[in-house]
N, C-alpha and C. Protein backbone atom coordinates (compact mmCIF):
# COMPACT_ATOMS: atom_id res chain seq x y z
N MET A 1 0.83 -1.20 0.00
CA MET A 1 0.00 0.00 0.00
C MET A 1 0.87 1.25 0.00
N PHE A 2 0.78 2.08 -1.02
CA PHE A 2 1.56 3.31 -1.17
C PHE A 2 3.06 3.06 -1.02
N GLY A 3 3.49 1.88 -1.44
CA GLY A 3 4.91 1.57 -1.39
C GLY A 3 5.43 1.23 -0.01
N ILE A 4 4.52 1.08 0.95
CA ILE A 4 4.94 0.78 2.33
C ILE A 4 4.85 -0.72 2.56
N GLU A 5 5.93 -1.28 3.09
CA GLU A 5 5.98 -2.70 3.40
C GLU A 5 5.96 -2.91 4.91
N ASN A 6 5.15 -3.87 5.37
CA ASN A 6 5.08 -4.21 6.79
C ASN A 6 4.75 -2.98 7.64
N TYR A 7 3.64 -2.35 7.31
CA TYR A 7 3.24 -1.12 8.01
C TYR A 7 3.04 -1.36 9.50
N TRP A 8 2.41 -2.47 9.88
CA TRP A 8 2.15 -2.74 11.29
C TRP A 8 3.46 -2.99 12.03
N GLY A 9 4.41 -3.58 11.35
CA GLY A 9 5.73 -3.74 11.95
C GLY A 9 6.39 -2.39 12.19
N PHE A 10 6.19 -1.46 11.26
CA PHE A 10 6.71 -0.10 11.42
C PHE A 10 6.10 0.57 12.64
N LEU A 11 4.76 0.45 12.80
CA LEU A 11 4.10 1.06 13.95
C LEU A 11 4.60 0.47 15.26
N ALA A 12 4.78 -0.85 15.29
CA ALA A 12 5.28 -1.50 16.50
C ALA A 12 6.69 -1.01 16.84
N ALA A 13 7.53 -0.92 15.82
CA ALA A 13 8.89 -0.44 16.04
C ALA A 13 8.89 1.02 16.48
N GLY A 14 7.97 1.82 15.89
CA GLY A 14 7.87 3.22 16.27
C GLY A 14 7.45 3.39 17.72
N LEU A 15 6.51 2.57 18.17
CA LEU A 15 6.07 2.63 19.56
C LEU A 15 7.22 2.29 20.51
N LEU A 16 7.97 1.27 20.17
CA LEU A 16 9.11 0.88 21.01
C LEU A 16 10.16 1.99 21.06
N LEU A 17 10.37 2.63 19.92
CA LEU A 17 11.35 3.72 19.87
C LEU A 17 10.88 4.90 20.71
N ASN A 18 9.57 5.17 20.70
CA ASN A 18 9.04 6.26 21.51
C ASN A 18 9.20 5.98 22.99
N LEU A 19 9.04 4.71 23.36
CA LEU A 19 9.15 4.33 24.77
C LEU A 19 10.59 4.34 25.27
N THR A 20 11.54 4.29 24.32
CA THR A 20 12.95 4.29 24.70
C THR A 20 13.35 5.70 25.15
N PRO A 21 13.89 5.84 26.36
CA PRO A 21 14.28 7.17 26.85
C PRO A 21 15.31 7.82 25.93
N GLY A 22 15.10 9.08 25.64
CA GLY A 22 16.02 9.81 24.77
C GLY A 22 16.04 11.28 25.13
N ALA A 23 16.75 12.06 24.32
CA ALA A 23 16.88 13.49 24.59
C ALA A 23 15.52 14.20 24.56
N ASP A 24 14.68 13.85 23.59
CA ASP A 24 13.36 14.50 23.49
C ASP A 24 12.51 14.21 24.72
N SER A 25 12.51 12.96 25.17
CA SER A 25 11.72 12.58 26.35
C SER A 25 12.22 13.34 27.58
N LEU A 26 13.53 13.40 27.75
CA LEU A 26 14.09 14.10 28.90
C LEU A 26 13.77 15.58 28.85
N TYR A 27 13.81 16.16 27.66
CA TYR A 27 13.48 17.58 27.49
C TYR A 27 12.04 17.84 27.93
N ILE A 28 11.13 17.01 27.48
CA ILE A 28 9.71 17.17 27.81
C ILE A 28 9.47 16.98 29.31
N ILE A 29 10.11 15.98 29.88
CA ILE A 29 9.94 15.70 31.32
C ILE A 29 10.40 16.90 32.15
N MET A 30 11.56 17.45 31.82
CA MET A 30 12.09 18.56 32.62
C MET A 30 11.25 19.82 32.43
N ARG A 31 10.73 20.04 31.24
CA ARG A 31 9.82 21.17 31.03
C ARG A 31 8.57 21.00 31.91
N SER A 32 8.02 19.81 31.93
CA SER A 32 6.80 19.54 32.69
C SER A 32 7.04 19.68 34.18
N ILE A 33 8.15 19.15 34.65
CA ILE A 33 8.45 19.19 36.08
C ILE A 33 8.67 20.62 36.56
N SER A 34 9.40 21.40 35.79
CA SER A 34 9.76 22.74 36.24
C SER A 34 8.70 23.79 35.95
N GLN A 35 7.92 23.61 34.87
CA GLN A 35 7.00 24.67 34.46
C GLN A 35 5.55 24.24 34.35
N GLY A 36 5.26 22.98 34.59
CA GLY A 36 3.87 22.55 34.63
C GLY A 36 3.37 21.87 33.37
N PRO A 37 2.12 21.40 33.41
CA PRO A 37 1.57 20.61 32.30
C PRO A 37 1.46 21.37 30.99
N GLN A 38 1.11 22.65 31.06
CA GLN A 38 0.96 23.42 29.82
C GLN A 38 2.29 23.50 29.07
N ALA A 39 3.37 23.79 29.81
CA ALA A 39 4.68 23.86 29.18
C ALA A 39 5.08 22.50 28.62
N GLY A 40 4.78 21.43 29.36
CA GLY A 40 5.12 20.09 28.90
C GLY A 40 4.38 19.70 27.64
N VAL A 41 3.08 20.00 27.60
CA VAL A 41 2.27 19.63 26.44
C VAL A 41 2.72 20.40 25.20
N PHE A 42 2.96 21.70 25.35
CA PHE A 42 3.38 22.48 24.18
C PHE A 42 4.79 22.11 23.74
N SER A 43 5.63 21.67 24.68
CA SER A 43 6.94 21.15 24.30
C SER A 43 6.78 19.87 23.49
N ALA A 44 5.86 19.01 23.94
CA ALA A 44 5.60 17.76 23.23
C ALA A 44 5.08 18.03 21.82
N LEU A 45 4.18 19.00 21.69
CA LEU A 45 3.65 19.35 20.37
C LEU A 45 4.76 19.92 19.48
N GLY A 46 5.67 20.69 20.08
CA GLY A 46 6.78 21.23 19.32
C GLY A 46 7.72 20.14 18.83
N ILE A 47 8.02 19.20 19.72
CA ILE A 47 8.88 18.07 19.34
C ILE A 47 8.25 17.29 18.19
N THR A 48 6.94 17.05 18.29
CA THR A 48 6.24 16.29 17.25
C THR A 48 6.24 17.06 15.92
N SER A 49 6.09 18.36 15.99
CA SER A 49 6.16 19.17 14.77
C SER A 49 7.54 19.09 14.14
N GLY A 50 8.56 19.01 14.99
CA GLY A 50 9.92 18.84 14.49
C GLY A 50 10.07 17.53 13.73
N ILE A 51 9.39 16.49 14.21
CA ILE A 51 9.40 15.20 13.52
C ILE A 51 8.82 15.35 12.12
N LEU A 52 7.75 16.12 12.00
CA LEU A 52 7.14 16.34 10.69
C LEU A 52 8.09 17.10 9.75
N VAL A 53 8.84 18.04 10.32
CA VAL A 53 9.82 18.77 9.51
C VAL A 53 10.90 17.82 9.00
N HIS A 54 11.39 16.95 9.88
CA HIS A 54 12.40 15.97 9.46
C HIS A 54 11.84 15.03 8.40
N THR A 55 10.56 14.69 8.53
CA THR A 55 9.93 13.82 7.53
C THR A 55 9.93 14.50 6.16
N LEU A 56 9.57 15.77 6.14
CA LEU A 56 9.55 16.52 4.88
C LEU A 56 10.94 16.61 4.28
N LEU A 57 11.93 16.91 5.13
CA LEU A 57 13.31 17.02 4.63
C LEU A 57 13.80 15.69 4.06
N ALA A 58 13.45 14.60 4.76
CA ALA A 58 13.87 13.29 4.28
C ALA A 58 13.17 12.95 2.97
N ALA A 59 11.89 13.29 2.87
CA ALA A 59 11.13 13.01 1.65
C ALA A 59 11.68 13.78 0.46
N LEU A 60 12.16 15.00 0.72
CA LEU A 60 12.70 15.82 -0.36
C LEU A 60 14.16 15.48 -0.66
N GLY A 61 14.74 14.63 0.18
CA GLY A 61 16.12 14.24 -0.04
C GLY A 61 17.14 15.20 0.57
N LEU A 62 16.66 16.24 1.28
CA LEU A 62 17.59 17.22 1.84
C LEU A 62 18.40 16.67 3.01
N SER A 63 17.81 15.71 3.72
CA SER A 63 18.53 15.13 4.86
C SER A 63 19.77 14.36 4.42
N VAL A 64 19.78 13.95 3.16
CA VAL A 64 20.95 13.24 2.63
C VAL A 64 22.19 14.13 2.71
N LEU A 65 21.99 15.45 2.64
CA LEU A 65 23.11 16.38 2.72
C LEU A 65 23.85 16.23 4.04
N LEU A 66 23.08 16.02 5.12
CA LEU A 66 23.71 15.88 6.43
C LEU A 66 24.56 14.62 6.50
N ALA A 67 24.08 13.58 5.82
CA ALA A 67 24.82 12.32 5.83
C ALA A 67 26.02 12.35 4.89
N SER A 68 25.92 13.17 3.84
CA SER A 68 26.97 13.18 2.81
C SER A 68 28.05 14.23 3.06
N TYR A 69 27.70 15.31 3.74
CA TYR A 69 28.63 16.41 3.94
C TYR A 69 28.84 16.66 5.43
N PRO A 70 29.99 16.27 5.96
CA PRO A 70 30.28 16.43 7.39
C PRO A 70 30.15 17.88 7.86
N LEU A 71 30.50 18.85 6.99
CA LEU A 71 30.41 20.25 7.40
C LEU A 71 28.96 20.63 7.69
N ALA A 72 28.03 20.21 6.83
CA ALA A 72 26.62 20.51 7.04
C ALA A 72 26.14 19.88 8.34
N PHE A 73 26.54 18.65 8.59
CA PHE A 73 26.18 17.97 9.83
C PHE A 73 26.69 18.74 11.03
N THR A 74 27.95 19.18 10.96
CA THR A 74 28.57 19.88 12.09
C THR A 74 27.88 21.22 12.36
N VAL A 75 27.55 21.95 11.29
CA VAL A 75 26.89 23.26 11.46
C VAL A 75 25.54 23.10 12.15
N VAL A 76 24.73 22.18 11.66
CA VAL A 76 23.41 21.95 12.25
C VAL A 76 23.55 21.46 13.69
N LYS A 77 24.53 20.59 13.91
CA LYS A 77 24.76 20.04 15.25
C LYS A 77 25.07 21.15 16.25
N TYR A 78 25.96 22.06 15.88
CA TYR A 78 26.36 23.12 16.81
C TYR A 78 25.25 24.14 17.02
N ILE A 79 24.46 24.39 15.99
CA ILE A 79 23.32 25.29 16.17
C ILE A 79 22.36 24.71 17.20
N GLY A 80 22.04 23.42 17.05
CA GLY A 80 21.14 22.77 18.00
C GLY A 80 21.72 22.72 19.40
N ALA A 81 23.01 22.41 19.52
CA ALA A 81 23.65 22.31 20.82
C ALA A 81 23.69 23.66 21.53
N LEU A 82 24.07 24.69 20.80
CA LEU A 82 24.12 26.03 21.39
C LEU A 82 22.73 26.52 21.80
N TYR A 83 21.72 26.14 21.01
CA TYR A 83 20.37 26.57 21.35
C TYR A 83 19.91 25.90 22.66
N LEU A 84 20.21 24.62 22.83
CA LEU A 84 19.86 23.94 24.06
C LEU A 84 20.59 24.57 25.25
N CYS A 85 21.86 24.90 25.06
CA CYS A 85 22.62 25.55 26.13
C CYS A 85 22.03 26.92 26.46
N TYR A 86 21.59 27.62 25.43
CA TYR A 86 20.95 28.93 25.64
C TYR A 86 19.69 28.80 26.49
N LEU A 87 18.86 27.79 26.18
CA LEU A 87 17.66 27.58 26.97
C LEU A 87 18.01 27.23 28.41
N GLY A 88 19.06 26.43 28.57
CA GLY A 88 19.49 26.07 29.92
C GLY A 88 19.96 27.27 30.72
N VAL A 89 20.73 28.14 30.09
CA VAL A 89 21.22 29.34 30.76
C VAL A 89 20.06 30.24 31.18
N ARG A 90 19.04 30.33 30.33
CA ARG A 90 17.88 31.17 30.66
C ARG A 90 17.14 30.64 31.90
N LEU A 91 17.12 29.31 32.06
CA LEU A 91 16.48 28.74 33.23
C LEU A 91 17.36 28.89 34.48
N LEU A 92 18.66 28.84 34.29
CA LEU A 92 19.57 28.99 35.43
C LEU A 92 19.60 30.42 35.95
N TRP A 93 19.57 31.36 35.02
CA TRP A 93 19.60 32.77 35.39
C TRP A 93 18.43 33.50 34.75
N PRO A 94 17.28 33.51 35.43
CA PRO A 94 16.10 34.20 34.90
C PRO A 94 16.38 35.69 34.75
N LYS A 95 15.41 36.38 34.20
CA LYS A 95 15.55 37.82 33.96
C LYS A 95 15.82 38.54 35.27
N ALA A 96 16.59 39.60 35.16
CA ALA A 96 17.00 40.34 36.35
C ALA A 96 15.83 40.90 37.13
N ASN A 97 14.74 41.25 36.43
CA ASN A 97 13.60 41.86 37.12
C ASN A 97 12.96 40.87 38.08
N ASN A 98 13.00 39.57 37.76
CA ASN A 98 12.47 38.58 38.67
C ASN A 98 13.29 38.53 39.95
N SER A 99 14.63 38.61 39.80
CA SER A 99 15.51 38.56 40.95
C SER A 99 15.32 39.79 41.83
N THR A 100 15.17 40.95 41.18
CA THR A 100 14.95 42.18 41.94
C THR A 100 13.65 42.12 42.72
N GLN A 101 12.60 41.60 42.08
CA GLN A 101 11.30 41.49 42.74
C GLN A 101 11.38 40.58 43.95
N VAL A 102 12.09 39.47 43.81
CA VAL A 102 12.23 38.53 44.93
C VAL A 102 12.99 39.18 46.07
N ALA A 103 14.07 39.92 45.73
CA ALA A 103 14.86 40.58 46.77
C ALA A 103 14.02 41.60 47.53
N ASP A 104 13.21 42.36 46.81
CA ASP A 104 12.35 43.34 47.45
C ASP A 104 11.36 42.68 48.39
N GLN A 105 10.78 41.55 47.94
CA GLN A 105 9.81 40.85 48.77
C GLN A 105 10.47 40.29 50.03
N LEU A 106 11.68 39.78 49.91
CA LEU A 106 12.38 39.25 51.07
C LEU A 106 12.71 40.35 52.06
N SER A 107 13.12 41.51 51.55
CA SER A 107 13.45 42.63 52.44
C SER A 107 12.25 43.12 53.22
N GLU A 108 11.06 42.88 52.64
CA GLU A 108 9.83 43.30 53.31
C GLU A 108 9.25 42.20 54.19
N GLY A 109 9.98 41.08 54.26
CA GLY A 109 9.50 39.99 55.10
C GLY A 109 8.38 39.20 54.46
N VAL A 110 8.25 39.29 53.14
CA VAL A 110 7.20 38.58 52.42
C VAL A 110 7.81 37.38 51.72
N ILE A 111 7.14 36.24 51.82
CA ILE A 111 7.62 35.05 51.11
C ILE A 111 7.44 35.27 49.62
N PRO A 112 8.51 35.25 48.85
CA PRO A 112 8.40 35.55 47.42
C PRO A 112 7.68 34.46 46.65
N GLU A 113 6.96 34.87 45.67
CA GLU A 113 6.31 33.92 44.77
C GLU A 113 6.97 34.05 43.41
N VAL A 114 7.81 33.12 43.08
CA VAL A 114 8.58 33.18 41.83
C VAL A 114 7.84 32.40 40.76
N LYS A 115 7.38 33.10 39.77
CA LYS A 115 6.66 32.46 38.66
C LYS A 115 7.22 32.95 37.34
N GLN A 116 7.61 32.06 36.50
CA GLN A 116 8.00 32.44 35.15
C GLN A 116 6.79 32.31 34.25
N GLY A 117 6.50 33.40 33.56
CA GLY A 117 5.33 33.38 32.70
C GLY A 117 5.45 32.31 31.64
N ILE A 118 4.35 31.61 31.40
CA ILE A 118 4.34 30.55 30.39
C ILE A 118 3.77 31.12 29.10
N ASN A 119 4.60 31.16 28.09
CA ASN A 119 4.18 31.60 26.76
C ASN A 119 4.08 30.35 25.88
N PRO A 120 2.87 29.81 25.69
CA PRO A 120 2.72 28.55 24.95
C PRO A 120 3.37 28.57 23.57
N TRP A 121 3.21 29.66 22.85
CA TRP A 121 3.76 29.74 21.50
C TRP A 121 5.29 29.70 21.52
N GLN A 122 5.87 30.40 22.48
CA GLN A 122 7.32 30.41 22.60
C GLN A 122 7.86 29.02 22.96
N ILE A 123 7.18 28.37 23.90
CA ILE A 123 7.60 27.03 24.32
C ILE A 123 7.44 26.04 23.17
N TYR A 124 6.37 26.20 22.40
CA TYR A 124 6.16 25.35 21.23
C TYR A 124 7.30 25.52 20.23
N LYS A 125 7.66 26.76 19.95
CA LYS A 125 8.74 27.03 18.99
C LYS A 125 10.06 26.46 19.49
N GLN A 126 10.30 26.56 20.77
CA GLN A 126 11.53 26.03 21.33
C GLN A 126 11.59 24.51 21.16
N GLY A 127 10.45 23.85 21.35
CA GLY A 127 10.38 22.41 21.13
C GLY A 127 10.67 22.05 19.69
N VAL A 128 10.11 22.82 18.76
CA VAL A 128 10.36 22.57 17.34
C VAL A 128 11.84 22.70 17.02
N LEU A 129 12.45 23.79 17.48
CA LEU A 129 13.84 24.07 17.14
C LEU A 129 14.80 23.05 17.74
N THR A 130 14.54 22.62 18.99
CA THR A 130 15.43 21.64 19.59
C THR A 130 15.42 20.33 18.82
N ASN A 131 14.29 20.00 18.21
CA ASN A 131 14.21 18.76 17.44
C ASN A 131 14.76 18.93 16.03
N VAL A 132 14.40 20.04 15.39
CA VAL A 132 14.82 20.27 14.00
C VAL A 132 16.35 20.37 13.90
N PHE A 133 16.97 21.03 14.88
CA PHE A 133 18.42 21.22 14.82
C PHE A 133 19.18 20.10 15.52
N ASN A 134 18.59 18.93 15.53
CA ASN A 134 19.29 17.74 16.00
C ASN A 134 19.54 16.84 14.78
N PRO A 135 20.73 16.88 14.21
CA PRO A 135 20.99 16.12 12.97
C PRO A 135 20.88 14.61 13.17
N LYS A 136 21.01 14.16 14.42
CA LYS A 136 20.90 12.72 14.68
C LYS A 136 19.50 12.22 14.35
N VAL A 137 18.50 13.07 14.55
CA VAL A 137 17.12 12.70 14.22
C VAL A 137 16.99 12.53 12.70
N ALA A 138 17.57 13.46 11.96
CA ALA A 138 17.50 13.38 10.50
C ALA A 138 18.16 12.10 9.98
N LEU A 139 19.32 11.77 10.55
CA LEU A 139 20.01 10.57 10.12
C LEU A 139 19.24 9.31 10.51
N PHE A 140 18.58 9.36 11.65
CA PHE A 140 17.75 8.23 12.08
C PHE A 140 16.63 7.98 11.07
N PHE A 141 15.99 9.04 10.62
CA PHE A 141 14.90 8.89 9.65
C PHE A 141 15.42 8.29 8.35
N LEU A 142 16.61 8.73 7.92
CA LEU A 142 17.17 8.20 6.68
C LEU A 142 17.51 6.71 6.81
N ALA A 143 17.86 6.28 8.00
CA ALA A 143 18.24 4.88 8.20
C ALA A 143 17.03 3.99 8.47
N PHE A 144 16.02 4.55 9.14
CA PHE A 144 14.89 3.75 9.62
C PHE A 144 13.77 3.60 8.58
N PHE A 145 13.35 4.70 8.01
CA PHE A 145 12.19 4.68 7.12
C PHE A 145 12.37 3.82 5.86
N PRO A 146 13.52 3.89 5.18
CA PRO A 146 13.66 3.11 3.93
C PRO A 146 13.49 1.60 4.12
N GLN A 147 13.67 1.12 5.35
CA GLN A 147 13.51 -0.31 5.59
C GLN A 147 12.07 -0.77 5.37
N PHE A 148 11.13 0.19 5.37
CA PHE A 148 9.71 -0.15 5.22
C PHE A 148 9.12 0.39 3.92
N ILE A 149 10.00 0.78 3.00
CA ILE A 149 9.54 1.33 1.72
C ILE A 149 10.02 0.45 0.57
N ASP A 150 9.13 0.13 -0.33
CA ASP A 150 9.46 -0.67 -1.50
C ASP A 150 10.37 0.15 -2.42
N PRO A 151 11.59 -0.29 -2.66
CA PRO A 151 12.52 0.48 -3.49
C PRO A 151 12.04 0.65 -4.93
N ASN A 152 11.12 -0.20 -5.36
CA ASN A 152 10.61 -0.12 -6.73
C ASN A 152 9.40 0.80 -6.86
N TYR A 153 8.92 1.33 -5.73
CA TYR A 153 7.76 2.21 -5.77
C TYR A 153 8.18 3.57 -6.30
N GLY A 154 7.41 4.11 -7.22
CA GLY A 154 7.81 5.33 -7.90
C GLY A 154 7.55 6.62 -7.16
N TYR A 155 6.87 6.57 -6.01
CA TYR A 155 6.53 7.79 -5.28
C TYR A 155 7.03 7.67 -3.84
N ALA A 156 8.35 7.61 -3.71
CA ALA A 156 8.96 7.43 -2.39
C ALA A 156 8.62 8.59 -1.45
N MET A 157 8.42 9.78 -2.00
CA MET A 157 8.09 10.93 -1.17
C MET A 157 6.77 10.71 -0.45
N LEU A 158 5.79 10.11 -1.15
CA LEU A 158 4.51 9.81 -0.54
C LEU A 158 4.68 8.78 0.57
N SER A 159 5.50 7.77 0.32
CA SER A 159 5.74 6.74 1.34
C SER A 159 6.40 7.34 2.57
N PHE A 160 7.41 8.16 2.36
CA PHE A 160 8.08 8.83 3.47
C PHE A 160 7.09 9.66 4.28
N SER A 161 6.24 10.40 3.58
CA SER A 161 5.29 11.29 4.24
C SER A 161 4.30 10.51 5.10
N LEU A 162 3.79 9.42 4.58
CA LEU A 162 2.82 8.62 5.33
C LEU A 162 3.46 7.97 6.55
N LEU A 163 4.68 7.49 6.38
CA LEU A 163 5.38 6.91 7.52
C LEU A 163 5.68 7.98 8.57
N GLY A 164 6.06 9.16 8.10
CA GLY A 164 6.35 10.25 9.03
C GLY A 164 5.13 10.68 9.81
N LEU A 165 3.99 10.78 9.13
CA LEU A 165 2.75 11.14 9.81
C LEU A 165 2.36 10.08 10.85
N SER A 166 2.56 8.82 10.49
CA SER A 166 2.23 7.74 11.41
C SER A 166 3.14 7.78 12.63
N PHE A 167 4.43 8.00 12.38
CA PHE A 167 5.39 8.06 13.49
C PHE A 167 5.09 9.26 14.39
N ALA A 168 4.73 10.39 13.78
CA ALA A 168 4.40 11.58 14.55
C ALA A 168 3.15 11.36 15.39
N ALA A 169 2.17 10.63 14.85
CA ALA A 169 0.93 10.37 15.59
C ALA A 169 1.20 9.55 16.84
N THR A 170 2.02 8.51 16.71
CA THR A 170 2.36 7.72 17.89
C THR A 170 3.21 8.53 18.87
N SER A 171 4.06 9.39 18.33
CA SER A 171 4.93 10.20 19.17
C SER A 171 4.14 11.21 20.00
N VAL A 172 3.15 11.86 19.38
CA VAL A 172 2.42 12.89 20.10
C VAL A 172 1.60 12.29 21.24
N VAL A 173 1.06 11.10 21.03
CA VAL A 173 0.32 10.44 22.10
C VAL A 173 1.24 10.13 23.28
N TRP A 174 2.40 9.57 22.99
CA TRP A 174 3.34 9.23 24.05
C TRP A 174 3.90 10.48 24.72
N CYS A 175 4.31 11.47 23.94
CA CYS A 175 4.95 12.66 24.50
C CYS A 175 3.99 13.47 25.36
N VAL A 176 2.75 13.63 24.91
CA VAL A 176 1.77 14.37 25.71
C VAL A 176 1.46 13.61 27.00
N SER A 177 1.33 12.30 26.91
CA SER A 177 1.09 11.49 28.12
C SER A 177 2.25 11.63 29.09
N LEU A 178 3.45 11.61 28.55
CA LEU A 178 4.65 11.76 29.38
C LEU A 178 4.66 13.12 30.07
N ALA A 179 4.30 14.16 29.33
CA ALA A 179 4.28 15.50 29.88
C ALA A 179 3.26 15.62 31.02
N LEU A 180 2.07 15.09 30.82
CA LEU A 180 1.02 15.18 31.83
C LEU A 180 1.38 14.37 33.07
N LEU A 181 1.98 13.21 32.88
CA LEU A 181 2.37 12.38 34.03
C LEU A 181 3.47 13.07 34.84
N ALA A 182 4.47 13.60 34.15
CA ALA A 182 5.56 14.27 34.85
C ALA A 182 5.06 15.49 35.61
N ALA A 183 4.16 16.25 34.98
CA ALA A 183 3.61 17.43 35.64
C ALA A 183 2.76 17.05 36.84
N ARG A 184 2.02 15.97 36.71
CA ARG A 184 1.17 15.51 37.79
C ARG A 184 1.98 15.12 39.02
N PHE A 185 3.05 14.36 38.81
CA PHE A 185 3.86 13.89 39.93
C PHE A 185 4.66 15.01 40.60
N SER A 186 4.88 16.10 39.88
CA SER A 186 5.66 17.20 40.45
C SER A 186 4.80 18.40 40.84
N GLU A 187 3.48 18.23 40.80
CA GLU A 187 2.57 19.36 41.05
C GLU A 187 2.79 19.97 42.44
N GLN A 188 2.87 19.13 43.46
CA GLN A 188 3.03 19.65 44.81
C GLN A 188 4.38 20.34 45.00
N LEU A 189 5.40 19.82 44.32
CA LEU A 189 6.71 20.46 44.43
C LEU A 189 6.69 21.87 43.86
N ARG A 190 6.00 22.05 42.72
CA ARG A 190 5.97 23.36 42.07
C ARG A 190 5.18 24.38 42.89
N GLN A 191 4.34 23.93 43.80
CA GLN A 191 3.56 24.86 44.61
C GLN A 191 4.42 25.56 45.66
N ASN A 192 5.60 25.01 45.91
CA ASN A 192 6.55 25.63 46.83
C ASN A 192 7.49 26.52 46.01
N PRO A 193 7.44 27.86 46.19
CA PRO A 193 8.23 28.75 45.34
C PRO A 193 9.72 28.45 45.34
N SER A 194 10.28 28.16 46.50
CA SER A 194 11.72 27.92 46.56
C SER A 194 12.09 26.63 45.82
N ILE A 195 11.25 25.60 45.95
CA ILE A 195 11.50 24.35 45.24
C ILE A 195 11.35 24.56 43.74
N GLU A 196 10.37 25.39 43.36
CA GLU A 196 10.16 25.65 41.93
C GLU A 196 11.39 26.30 41.31
N VAL A 197 12.03 27.20 42.07
CA VAL A 197 13.24 27.84 41.57
C VAL A 197 14.32 26.80 41.31
N TRP A 198 14.47 25.87 42.25
CA TRP A 198 15.49 24.83 42.09
C TRP A 198 15.15 23.87 40.96
N LEU A 199 13.87 23.61 40.76
CA LEU A 199 13.48 22.75 39.64
C LEU A 199 13.86 23.40 38.32
N ASN A 200 13.68 24.72 38.23
CA ASN A 200 14.08 25.43 37.02
C ASN A 200 15.59 25.34 36.81
N LYS A 201 16.34 25.46 37.90
CA LYS A 201 17.80 25.40 37.78
C LYS A 201 18.25 23.99 37.38
N ILE A 202 17.62 22.99 37.95
CA ILE A 202 17.96 21.61 37.57
C ILE A 202 17.66 21.39 36.09
N SER A 203 16.51 21.90 35.65
CA SER A 203 16.15 21.78 34.23
C SER A 203 17.18 22.48 33.36
N GLY A 204 17.65 23.63 33.82
CA GLY A 204 18.67 24.36 33.07
C GLY A 204 19.95 23.55 32.92
N VAL A 205 20.36 22.91 34.00
CA VAL A 205 21.57 22.07 33.96
C VAL A 205 21.37 20.91 32.98
N VAL A 206 20.18 20.30 33.02
CA VAL A 206 19.88 19.18 32.12
C VAL A 206 19.93 19.63 30.67
N PHE A 207 19.34 20.80 30.36
CA PHE A 207 19.34 21.30 28.98
C PHE A 207 20.77 21.55 28.50
N ILE A 208 21.59 22.14 29.37
CA ILE A 208 22.99 22.37 29.00
C ILE A 208 23.70 21.04 28.77
N GLY A 209 23.40 20.06 29.62
CA GLY A 209 23.99 18.73 29.44
C GLY A 209 23.59 18.11 28.12
N LEU A 210 22.31 18.28 27.74
CA LEU A 210 21.85 17.77 26.45
C LEU A 210 22.58 18.47 25.30
N GLY A 211 22.80 19.77 25.46
CA GLY A 211 23.52 20.51 24.43
C GLY A 211 24.95 20.04 24.28
N LEU A 212 25.63 19.83 25.40
CA LEU A 212 27.01 19.35 25.35
C LEU A 212 27.08 17.93 24.77
N ARG A 213 26.07 17.13 25.10
CA ARG A 213 26.04 15.78 24.55
C ARG A 213 25.86 15.82 23.03
N LEU A 214 25.01 16.74 22.56
CA LEU A 214 24.80 16.87 21.13
C LEU A 214 26.07 17.32 20.42
N MET A 215 26.87 18.17 21.08
CA MET A 215 28.11 18.63 20.48
C MET A 215 29.06 17.48 20.16
N SER A 216 28.98 16.44 20.97
CA SER A 216 29.90 15.31 20.79
C SER A 216 29.41 14.29 19.77
N ALA A 217 28.19 14.53 19.21
CA ALA A 217 27.63 13.58 18.24
C ALA A 217 28.48 13.53 16.98
N LYS A 218 28.59 12.36 16.41
CA LYS A 218 29.38 12.18 15.19
C LYS A 218 28.55 11.44 14.14
N LEU A 219 28.97 11.60 12.89
CA LEU A 219 28.31 10.89 11.80
C LEU A 219 28.49 9.39 11.92
């Protein structure tokens, strides 16, 4: 059907891959723990949208550039790594006005309430970018998808697209569930302002760690 071979086997393999802990899962978990369910869900949606972008690039043959040209792979890798580090630094050191507000409240003997505003669109975009600028995902698609596509089928782009949509559908179910579960288990912790600050800092360290790990990725 549409040049796809063993479609159910592909879905089973996709589910297992989603269940395997990875950088995307850790990113979503830390977003959910530190910033709540809304941040986690929009991060999950962003990650899934990134999967669709990789599907399109693979279908158009552009992802082959990353596999064929080490320089292109390195450039994309460092962009993604630096972006993750940037997000981590922002969580470690929030805007100065938040710090000033907390200091003022402490000087007045008031328990500070530290809340970082949740901008769903911004968090969604960050999720997309962290996934799109991970060249390892692009290479994975190039290695994984062709195993389920008939090489004699004349519309490989259609086959790639259908497999990508299917993989994204299973991913969004798992990622959103993961986000909601992580947020649920950490709900009481986030209600304590001081603990919430530390959760943000821990998330920042994790994001920087993910960025450094991405820097060491090789073809």
